[in-house]
Amino acid sequence: MTDFTKIDTETLTSSRTPASEKLELDEAVGATAFGVNLFTAQPGEQLPWGFHRHPDHEELFLVLEGTVVFETPETEYQVGADEAFFVPKNHRQRAHAVGDKPARVVAIGAPKTDDDTIIEEECSECDDLTRHQPVERTIDGDTVFVLQCTICDSERQIDGF
């Protein structure tokens, strides 16, 4: 007999990301073949961590409300409510909410077992495209995330966070 699972997203706890909210729906239902996250991002907030890529993992973003700009090294794509954006595996992109209202976005990725995330940003100290990692810091009593270069340890605040 198959076990079906129904969840109330209002009962889930948000993961820490630059977006206001990230609900890991796949974890909540026990999905093993694909990942599904529900993001809520205020205008200017990123979802999730700067320019990144997944070497063996495709992504599909469905914008439910608001507008999201997806930046690639080549161009930008503005995606509004009821539109979807596909990212092939191993392609760099970053996304942020724009406009005057929050964006709600469903992010689907597969295969789930190949969800390695590589954050690559320009490092002003190394003067090159380098790997970065998100690091939580307390600045003036507020918890913020910064991206830290894995080569020289220089840090920069994540846009919109």
C-alpha atoms as a PDB file:
ATOM      1  CA  MET A   1       0.000   0.000   0.000  1.00  0.00           C
ATOM      2  CA  THR A   2       1.318   3.445  -0.936  1.00  0.00           C
ATOM      3  CA  ASP A   3       1.666   6.060   1.803  1.00  0.00           C
ATOM      4  CA  PHE A   4       0.260   9.390   0.668  1.00  0.00           C
ATOM      5  CA  THR A   5       1.265  12.503   2.586  1.00  0.00           C
ATOM      6  CA  LYS A   6      -0.576  15.783   3.009  1.00  0.00           C
ATOM      7  CA  ILE A   7       1.006  18.741   4.798  1.00  0.00           C
ATOM      8  CA  ASP A   8      -0.055  22.210   5.854  1.00  0.00           C
ATOM      9  CA  THR A   9       2.723  24.580   4.756  1.00  0.00           C
ATOM     10  CA  GLU A  10       1.705  26.987   7.526  1.00  0.00           C
ATOM     11  CA  THR A  11       3.058  24.477  10.072  1.00  0.00           C
ATOM     12  CA  LEU A  12       6.554  24.193   8.533  1.00  0.00           C
ATOM     13  CA  THR A  13       9.633  25.956   9.878  1.00  0.00           C
ATOM     14  CA  SER A  14      11.569  28.111   7.426  1.00  0.00           C
ATOM     15  CA  SER A  15      15.197  27.356   6.586  1.00  0.00           C
ATOM     16  CA  ARG A  16      17.679  30.236   6.946  1.00  0.00           C
ATOM     17  CA  THR A  17      18.321  31.862   3.563  1.00  0.00           C
ATOM     18  CA  PRO A  18      18.453  35.412   2.188  1.00  0.00           C
ATOM     19  CA  ALA A  19      14.777  35.021   1.215  1.00  0.00           C
ATOM     20  CA  SER A  20      12.185  35.773   3.898  1.00  0.00           C
ATOM     21  CA  GLU A  21      11.047  32.170   3.857  1.00  0.00           C
ATOM     22  CA  LYS A  22      12.165  28.831   2.433  1.00  0.00           C
ATOM     23  CA  LEU A  23       9.951  25.846   3.163  1.00  0.00           C
ATOM     24  CA  GLU A  24      11.482  22.474   2.282  1.00  0.00           C
ATOM     25  CA  LEU A  25       8.375  20.654   1.079  1.00  0.00           C
ATOM     26  CA  ASP A  26      10.313  17.602  -0.132  1.00  0.00           C
ATOM     27  CA  GLU A  27      11.737  17.014   3.349  1.00  0.00           C
ATOM     28  CA  ALA A  28       8.318  17.486   4.946  1.00  0.00           C
ATOM     29  CA  VAL A  29       6.723  14.762   2.814  1.00  0.00           C
ATOM     30  CA  GLY A  30       9.755  12.472   2.582  1.00  0.00           C
ATOM     31  CA  ALA A  31      10.315  12.823  -1.183  1.00  0.00           C
ATOM     32  CA  THR A  32      13.495  11.072  -2.315  1.00  0.00           C
ATOM     33  CA  ALA A  33      13.627  11.550  -6.101  1.00  0.00           C
ATOM     34  CA  PHE A  34      13.292  15.334  -6.344  1.00  0.00           C
ATOM     35  CA  GLY A  35      13.564  18.477  -4.242  1.00  0.00           C
ATOM     36  CA  VAL A  36      10.783  21.031  -3.816  1.00  0.00           C
ATOM     37  CA  ASN A  37      11.055  24.315  -1.938  1.00  0.00           C
ATOM     38  CA  LEU A  38       8.540  27.116  -1.500  1.00  0.00           C
ATOM     39  CA  PHE A  39      10.209  30.538  -1.290  1.00  0.00           C
ATOM     40  CA  THR A  40       8.739  33.857  -0.231  1.00  0.00           C
ATOM     41  CA  ALA A  41      11.044  36.780  -1.053  1.00  0.00           C
ATOM     42  CA  GLN A  42      10.468  40.469  -0.440  1.00  0.00           C
ATOM     43  CA  PRO A  43      11.479  42.856  -3.252  1.00  0.00           C
ATOM     44  CA  GLY A  44      15.295  42.950  -3.357  1.00  0.00           C
ATOM     45  CA  GLU A  45      15.793  39.628  -1.542  1.00  0.00           C
ATOM     46  CA  GLN A  46      17.702  36.813  -3.215  1.00  0.00           C
ATOM     47  CA  LEU A  47      16.588  33.213  -3.402  1.00  0.00           C
ATOM     48  CA  PRO A  48      18.827  31.678  -2.292  1.00  0.00           C
ATOM     49  CA  TRP A  49      22.652  32.212  -2.399  1.00  0.00           C
ATOM     50  CA  GLY A  50      24.060  34.406  -5.148  1.00  0.00           C
ATOM     51  CA  PHE A  51      25.437  33.024  -8.426  1.00  0.00           C
ATOM     52  CA  HIS A  52      25.414  29.253  -8.139  1.00  0.00           C
ATOM     53  CA  ARG A  53      25.151  26.107 -10.197  1.00  0.00           C
ATOM     54  CA  HIS A  54      24.262  22.453  -9.697  1.00  0.00           C
ATOM     55  CA  PRO A  55      26.618  20.212 -11.734  1.00  0.00           C
ATOM     56  CA  ASP A  56      24.177  17.287 -12.031  1.00  0.00           C
ATOM     57  CA  HIS A  57      20.843  18.808 -11.049  1.00  0.00           C
ATOM     58  CA  GLU A  58      18.165  20.592 -13.100  1.00  0.00           C
ATOM     59  CA  GLU A  59      15.865  23.229 -11.628  1.00  0.00           C
ATOM     60  CA  LEU A  60      12.416  24.521 -12.505  1.00  0.00           C
ATOM     61  CA  PHE A  61      11.013  27.649 -10.865  1.00  0.00           C
ATOM     62  CA  LEU A  62       7.278  28.378 -10.930  1.00  0.00           C
ATOM     63  CA  VAL A  63       6.401  31.922  -9.860  1.00  0.00           C
ATOM     64  CA  LEU A  64       3.043  31.896  -8.070  1.00  0.00           C
ATOM     65  CA  GLU A  65       2.960  35.576  -7.087  1.00  0.00           C
ATOM     66  CA  GLY A  66       5.118  38.625  -7.716  1.00  0.00           C
ATOM     67  CA  THR A  67       8.077  38.891 -10.077  1.00  0.00           C
ATOM     68  CA  VAL A  68      11.558  37.355 -10.007  1.00  0.00           C
ATOM     69  CA  VAL A  69      14.583  38.289 -12.087  1.00  0.00           C
ATOM     70  CA  PHE A  70      16.892  35.395 -12.916  1.00  0.00           C
ATOM     71  CA  GLU A  71      20.396  36.545 -13.792  1.00  0.00           C
ATOM     72  CA  THR A  72      22.713  34.392 -15.880  1.00  0.00           C
ATOM     73  CA  PRO A  73      26.233  35.279 -17.033  1.00  0.00           C
ATOM     74  CA  GLU A  74      24.726  36.184 -20.427  1.00  0.00           C
ATOM     75  CA  THR A  75      21.426  37.964 -19.658  1.00  0.00           C
ATOM     76  CA  GLU A  76      18.497  38.492 -17.300  1.00  0.00           C
ATOM     77  CA  TYR A  77      15.044  36.915 -17.437  1.00  0.00           C
ATOM     78  CA  GLN A  78      12.059  38.560 -15.756  1.00  0.00           C
ATOM     79  CA  VAL A  79       9.539  35.925 -14.693  1.00  0.00           C
ATOM     80  CA  GLY A  80       6.091  36.883 -13.422  1.00  0.00           C
ATOM     81  CA  ALA A  81       3.159  35.134 -11.795  1.00  0.00           C
ATOM     82  CA  ASP A  82       2.021  31.975 -13.587  1.00  0.00           C
ATOM     83  CA  GLU A  83       5.324  31.762 -15.507  1.00  0.00           C
ATOM     84  CA  ALA A  84       8.085  29.191 -15.141  1.00  0.00           C
ATOM     85  CA  PHE A  85      11.853  29.317 -15.648  1.00  0.00           C
ATOM     86  CA  PHE A  86      14.038  26.249 -16.342  1.00  0.00           C
ATOM     87  CA  VAL A  87      17.726  26.066 -15.429  1.00  0.00           C
ATOM     88  CA  PRO A  88      19.723  23.228 -17.064  1.00  0.00           C
ATOM     89  CA  LYS A  89      22.279  21.400 -14.966  1.00  0.00           C
ATOM     90  CA  ASN A  90      25.652  23.093 -14.472  1.00  0.00           C
ATOM     91  CA  HIS A  91      24.388  26.561 -15.534  1.00  0.00           C
ATOM     92  CA  ARG A  92      25.111  29.547 -13.269  1.00  0.00           C
ATOM     93  CA  GLN A  93      22.209  31.715 -12.169  1.00  0.00           C
ATOM     94  CA  ARG A  94      20.953  33.802  -9.296  1.00  0.00           C
ATOM     95  CA  ALA A  95      17.496  35.163  -8.622  1.00  0.00           C
ATOM     96  CA  HIS A  96      15.948  38.029  -6.714  1.00  0.00           C
ATOM     97  CA  ALA A  97      12.450  39.379  -6.211  1.00  0.00           C
ATOM     98  CA  VAL A  98      11.578  42.698  -7.859  1.00  0.00           C
ATOM     99  CA  GLY A  99       8.566  44.985  -7.942  1.00  0.00           C
ATOM    100  CA  ASP A 100       6.398  46.222  -5.125  1.00  0.00           C
ATOM    101  CA  LYS A 101       5.094  42.976  -3.635  1.00  0.00           C
ATOM    102  CA  PRO A 102       6.610  39.718  -2.364  1.00  0.00           C
ATOM    103  CA  ALA A 103       7.329  36.868  -4.736  1.00  0.00           C
ATOM    104  CA  ARG A 104       6.166  33.337  -3.956  1.00  0.00           C
ATOM    105  CA  VAL A 105       8.089  30.745  -5.914  1.00  0.00           C
ATOM    106  CA  VAL A 106       8.065  26.950  -6.088  1.00  0.00           C
ATOM    107  CA  ALA A 107      11.539  25.570  -6.859  1.00  0.00           C
ATOM    108  CA  ILE A 108      11.762  21.986  -8.107  1.00  0.00           C
ATOM    109  CA  GLY A 109      15.070  20.197  -8.604  1.00  0.00           C
ATOM    110  CA  ALA A 110      16.068  16.730  -9.726  1.00  0.00           C
ATOM    111  CA  PRO A 111      17.639  14.376  -9.201  1.00  0.00           C
ATOM    112  CA  LYS A 112      17.583  15.043  -5.472  1.00  0.00           C
ATOM    113  CA  THR A 113      20.633  12.854  -4.836  1.00  0.00           C
ATOM    114  CA  ASP A 114      22.750  15.118  -7.079  1.00  0.00           C
ATOM    115  CA  ASP A 115      21.945  18.440  -5.405  1.00  0.00           C
ATOM    116  CA  ASP A 116      25.526  19.642  -4.960  1.00  0.00           C
ATOM    117  CA  THR A 117      25.495  23.458  -4.980  1.00  0.00           C
ATOM    118  CA  ILE A 118      28.541  25.409  -6.115  1.00  0.00           C
ATOM    119  CA  ILE A 119      28.418  29.128  -5.326  1.00  0.00           C
ATOM    120  CA  GLU A 120      30.724  31.063  -7.656  1.00  0.00           C
ATOM    121  CA  GLU A 121      31.141  34.820  -7.314  1.00  0.00           C
ATOM    122  CA  GLU A 122      33.748  37.359  -8.347  1.00  0.00           C
ATOM    123  CA  CYS A 123      36.186  37.859  -5.457  1.00  0.00           C
ATOM    124  CA  SER A 124      37.610  41.391  -5.232  1.00  0.00           C
ATOM    125  CA  GLU A 125      40.642  40.143  -3.277  1.00  0.00           C
ATOM    126  CA  CYS A 126      41.469  37.222  -5.597  1.00  0.00           C
ATOM    127  CA  ASP A 127      40.382  39.209  -8.689  1.00  0.00           C
ATOM    128  CA  ASP A 128      38.807  36.063 -10.092  1.00  0.00           C
ATOM    129  CA  LEU A 129      35.666  33.916 -10.138  1.00  0.00           C
ATOM    130  CA  THR A 130      35.995  31.762  -7.009  1.00  0.00           C
ATOM    131  CA  ARG A 131      33.950  29.385  -4.904  1.00  0.00           C
ATOM    132  CA  HIS A 132      32.131  30.973  -1.984  1.00  0.00           C
ATOM    133  CA  GLN A 133      30.218  29.658   0.992  1.00  0.00           C
ATOM    134  CA  PRO A 134      27.427  31.283   3.000  1.00  0.00           C
ATOM    135  CA  VAL A 135      28.447  32.191   6.545  1.00  0.00           C
ATOM    136  CA  GLU A 136      26.166  33.487   9.285  1.00  0.00           C
ATOM    137  CA  ARG A 137      27.447  36.578  11.125  1.00  0.00           C
ATOM    138  CA  THR A 138      26.135  38.895  13.822  1.00  0.00           C
ATOM    139  CA  ILE A 139      26.557  42.549  12.845  1.00  0.00           C
ATOM    140  CA  ASP A 140      25.264  45.285  15.172  1.00  0.00           C
ATOM    141  CA  GLY A 141      23.104  42.699  16.937  1.00  0.00           C
ATOM    142  CA  ASP A 142      21.500  41.456  13.713  1.00  0.00           C
ATOM    143  CA  THR A 143      22.107  38.031  12.181  1.00  0.00           C
ATOM    144  CA  VAL A 144      23.131  38.303   8.535  1.00  0.00           C
ATOM    145  CA  PHE A 145      24.604  36.005   5.918  1.00  0.00           C
ATOM    146  CA  VAL A 146      27.766  36.827   4.015  1.00  0.00           C
ATOM    147  CA  LEU A 147      29.464  35.006   1.159  1.00  0.00           C
ATOM    148  CA  GLN A 148      33.007  34.003   2.068  1.00  0.00           C
ATOM    149  CA  CYS A 149      35.652  33.224  -0.564  1.00  0.00           C
ATOM    150  CA  THR A 150      36.995  29.703  -0.016  1.00  0.00           C
ATOM    151  CA  ILE A 151      40.471  30.761  -1.208  1.00  0.00           C
ATOM    152  CA  CYS A 152      41.237  33.988   0.682  1.00  0.00           C
ATOM    153  CA  ASP A 153      38.375  34.080   3.277  1.00  0.00           C
ATOM    154  CA  SER A 154      37.308  37.609   2.231  1.00  0.00           C
ATOM    155  CA  GLU A 155      33.625  38.269   2.846  1.00  0.00           C
ATOM    156  CA  ARG A 156      30.886  40.307   1.255  1.00  0.00           C
ATOM    157  CA  GLN A 157      27.292  40.765   2.255  1.00  0.00           C
ATOM    158  CA  ILE A 158      24.719  38.959   0.157  1.00  0.00           C
ATOM    159  CA  ASP A 159      22.691  41.403  -1.939  1.00  0.00           C
ATOM    160  CA  GLY A 160      19.258  41.979  -0.475  1.00  0.00           C
ATOM    161  CA  PHE A 161      20.015  40.363   2.884  1.00  0.00           C
END
